[in-house]
Amino acid sequence: MPTQTLPNTLILHLKRFEFNFDTMHKVKLNDYCEFPDSLDMFPYTREGLASMEKEHEQKAKPIEESLNEEESAEGGGKQKQKKDIADNTGDGEKEEDTAITYEIRPKEYYEYELMGILVHRGVADSGHYYSYIKVPRLLHALPLSSPPPLY
């Protein structure tokens, strides 16, 4: 489901457990999981889906036009019949074009940078969590005697 707005901080949770109906127990999934350092969320937003749909329609348009030209060269009757079916809603009225437009924001709005990973070590019912956190560049520039900033 596409989203209307994106948060400042995006937290994704991968479901890494499942229920085994043969043994009637929860099972932890230990499959290898790889993810990028950055994530572009544009394709998962309403404006991204609308943009991809528009691109798809524009690519399909030349194909439809060439098919229509071939049909009209063969006799023309088929083309008119297909057009009538496409324009007719079944109740004798023509469909209206109700295209919705969405505001496309700057590219930076859709981009996220990986800042941390939470890891579970153990089995489905017990274990421990630990995390890897990316230290901001600002902390590298501070002298050792300075306390780190609180977030």
Protein backbone atom coordinates (compact mmCIF):
# COMPACT_ATOMS: atom_id res chain seq x y z
CA MET A 1 0.00 0.00 0.00
CA PRO A 2 1.53 3.36 -0.98
CA THR A 3 2.07 6.07 1.60
CA GLN A 4 1.03 9.74 1.39
CA THR A 5 3.85 11.21 3.46
CA LEU A 6 7.19 9.88 4.64
CA PRO A 7 8.53 10.19 8.20
CA ASN A 8 11.80 11.91 9.08
CA THR A 9 13.07 8.62 10.51
CA LEU A 10 12.02 5.36 8.87
CA ILE A 11 12.17 2.14 10.88
CA LEU A 12 11.69 -1.13 9.01
CA HIS A 13 11.07 -4.42 10.77
CA LEU A 14 11.57 -7.72 8.97
CA LYS A 15 9.47 -10.61 10.21
CA ARG A 16 12.10 -13.26 10.87
CA PHE A 17 9.87 -15.78 12.69
CA GLU A 18 7.14 -18.09 11.45
CA PHE A 19 4.87 -20.74 12.87
CA ASN A 20 5.52 -24.37 11.87
CA PHE A 21 2.15 -26.18 11.76
CA ASP A 22 3.85 -29.60 11.65
CA THR A 23 5.65 -29.13 14.97
CA MET A 24 3.25 -26.48 16.36
CA HIS A 25 6.20 -24.25 17.36
CA LYS A 26 7.55 -20.85 16.37
CA VAL A 27 10.67 -21.09 14.22
CA LYS A 28 13.28 -18.41 13.69
CA LEU A 29 14.26 -17.75 10.07
CA ASN A 30 18.05 -17.71 9.80
CA ASP A 31 18.25 -17.10 6.06
CA TYR A 32 20.89 -14.65 4.83
CA CYS A 33 19.52 -11.11 4.64
CA GLU A 34 21.25 -8.30 2.75
CA PHE A 35 20.17 -4.67 2.50
CA PRO A 36 21.58 -1.47 0.97
CA ASP A 37 23.20 1.48 2.79
CA SER A 38 20.58 3.81 1.28
CA LEU A 39 16.93 3.44 0.34
CA ASP A 40 14.88 5.40 -2.18
CA MET A 41 11.23 5.30 -1.06
CA PHE A 42 9.86 7.13 -4.16
CA PRO A 43 8.58 3.92 -5.84
CA TYR A 44 6.54 3.10 -2.70
CA THR A 45 4.68 6.42 -2.53
CA ARG A 46 1.48 7.43 -4.31
CA GLU A 47 3.32 9.87 -6.53
CA GLY A 48 5.91 7.22 -7.36
CA LEU A 49 3.28 4.67 -8.35
CA ALA A 50 1.43 7.31 -10.40
CA SER A 51 4.68 8.23 -12.14
CA MET A 52 5.45 4.59 -13.00
CA GLU A 53 1.89 4.07 -14.25
CA LYS A 54 2.18 7.15 -16.47
CA GLU A 55 5.51 5.87 -17.87
CA HIS A 56 3.94 2.48 -18.57
CA GLU A 57 1.00 4.10 -20.39
CA GLN A 58 3.36 6.23 -22.50
CA LYS A 59 5.36 3.14 -23.49
CA ALA A 60 2.17 1.25 -24.36
CA LYS A 61 0.72 4.13 -26.42
CA PRO A 62 3.01 3.68 -29.49
CA ILE A 63 2.22 -0.05 -29.50
CA GLU A 64 -1.55 0.63 -29.41
CA GLU A 65 -1.21 3.22 -32.19
CA SER A 66 0.70 0.82 -34.42
CA LEU A 67 -1.92 -1.90 -33.78
CA ASN A 68 -4.70 0.54 -34.65
CA GLU A 69 -2.93 1.49 -37.89
CA GLU A 70 -2.61 -2.18 -38.87
CA GLU A 71 -6.28 -2.84 -38.13
CA SER A 72 -7.43 0.21 -40.10
CA ALA A 73 -5.34 -0.93 -43.05
CA GLU A 74 -7.09 -4.33 -42.89
CA GLY A 75 -10.61 -2.95 -42.93
CA GLY A 76 -11.30 -0.55 -40.09
CA GLY A 77 -14.35 -2.32 -38.63
CA LYS A 78 -12.43 -3.99 -35.83
CA GLN A 79 -10.80 -0.74 -34.72
CA LYS A 80 -14.13 1.04 -34.32
CA GLN A 81 -15.62 -1.87 -32.40
CA LYS A 82 -12.64 -1.98 -29.97
CA LYS A 83 -12.84 1.78 -29.43
CA ASP A 84 -16.56 1.58 -28.63
CA ILE A 85 -15.95 -1.17 -26.09
CA ALA A 86 -13.12 0.80 -24.44
CA ASP A 87 -15.21 3.97 -24.19
CA ASN A 88 -18.39 2.26 -23.00
CA THR A 89 -18.97 1.53 -19.30
CA GLY A 90 -21.76 -0.94 -20.07
CA ASP A 91 -24.63 1.40 -19.23
CA GLY A 92 -24.44 3.46 -22.40
CA GLU A 93 -22.32 6.23 -20.86
CA LYS A 94 -18.72 7.02 -21.66
CA GLU A 95 -16.06 6.85 -18.95
CA GLU A 96 -14.63 10.13 -17.72
CA ASP A 97 -10.89 10.64 -17.36
CA THR A 98 -10.41 11.03 -13.61
CA ALA A 99 -6.62 11.20 -13.45
CA ILE A 100 -5.30 12.22 -10.03
CA THR A 101 -2.07 14.17 -9.87
CA TYR A 102 0.35 14.11 -6.94
CA GLU A 103 2.98 16.64 -5.96
CA ILE A 104 6.48 15.26 -6.53
CA ARG A 105 8.86 16.52 -3.86
CA PRO A 106 12.63 17.00 -4.17
CA LYS A 107 14.65 13.77 -4.56
CA GLU A 108 16.16 14.14 -1.06
CA TYR A 109 12.70 13.81 0.50
CA TYR A 110 12.48 10.16 -0.63
CA GLU A 111 16.03 9.10 0.29
CA TYR A 112 17.00 7.41 3.56
CA GLU A 113 20.46 6.50 4.83
CA LEU A 114 20.98 3.40 6.98
CA MET A 115 21.83 4.46 10.54
CA GLY A 116 21.48 1.27 12.55
CA ILE A 117 20.69 -2.43 12.62
CA LEU A 118 19.07 -4.40 15.42
CA VAL A 119 20.13 -8.06 15.54
CA HIS A 120 18.54 -10.96 17.42
CA ARG A 121 20.78 -13.85 18.46
CA GLY A 122 19.00 -16.92 19.76
CA VAL A 123 15.90 -18.97 18.98
CA ALA A 124 12.32 -17.91 18.35
CA ASP A 125 11.29 -17.97 22.03
CA SER A 126 14.43 -16.55 23.64
CA GLY A 127 17.69 -14.82 22.94
CA HIS A 128 19.34 -11.43 23.06
CA TYR A 129 19.24 -8.31 20.94
CA TYR A 130 22.21 -6.11 20.10
CA SER A 131 22.64 -3.28 17.65
CA TYR A 132 25.09 -1.71 15.25
CA ILE A 133 24.78 2.06 15.07
CA LYS A 134 26.43 4.32 12.52
CA VAL A 135 28.30 7.06 14.36
CA PRO A 136 27.59 10.49 12.82
CA ARG A 137 30.62 12.22 11.26
CA LEU A 138 30.18 15.01 13.82
CA LEU A 139 31.31 12.68 16.60
CA HIS A 140 34.55 11.85 14.79
CA ALA A 141 35.51 15.55 14.79
CA LEU A 142 35.03 16.04 18.55
CA PRO A 143 38.03 15.92 20.90
CA LEU A 144 38.14 12.89 23.21
CA SER A 145 37.61 15.08 26.30
CA SER A 146 34.23 16.39 25.02
CA PRO A 147 31.12 14.45 25.94
CA PRO A 148 29.17 13.17 22.92
CA PRO A 149 25.96 15.02 22.04
CA LEU A 150 22.71 13.51 23.23
CA TYR A 151 20.15 12.57 20.61
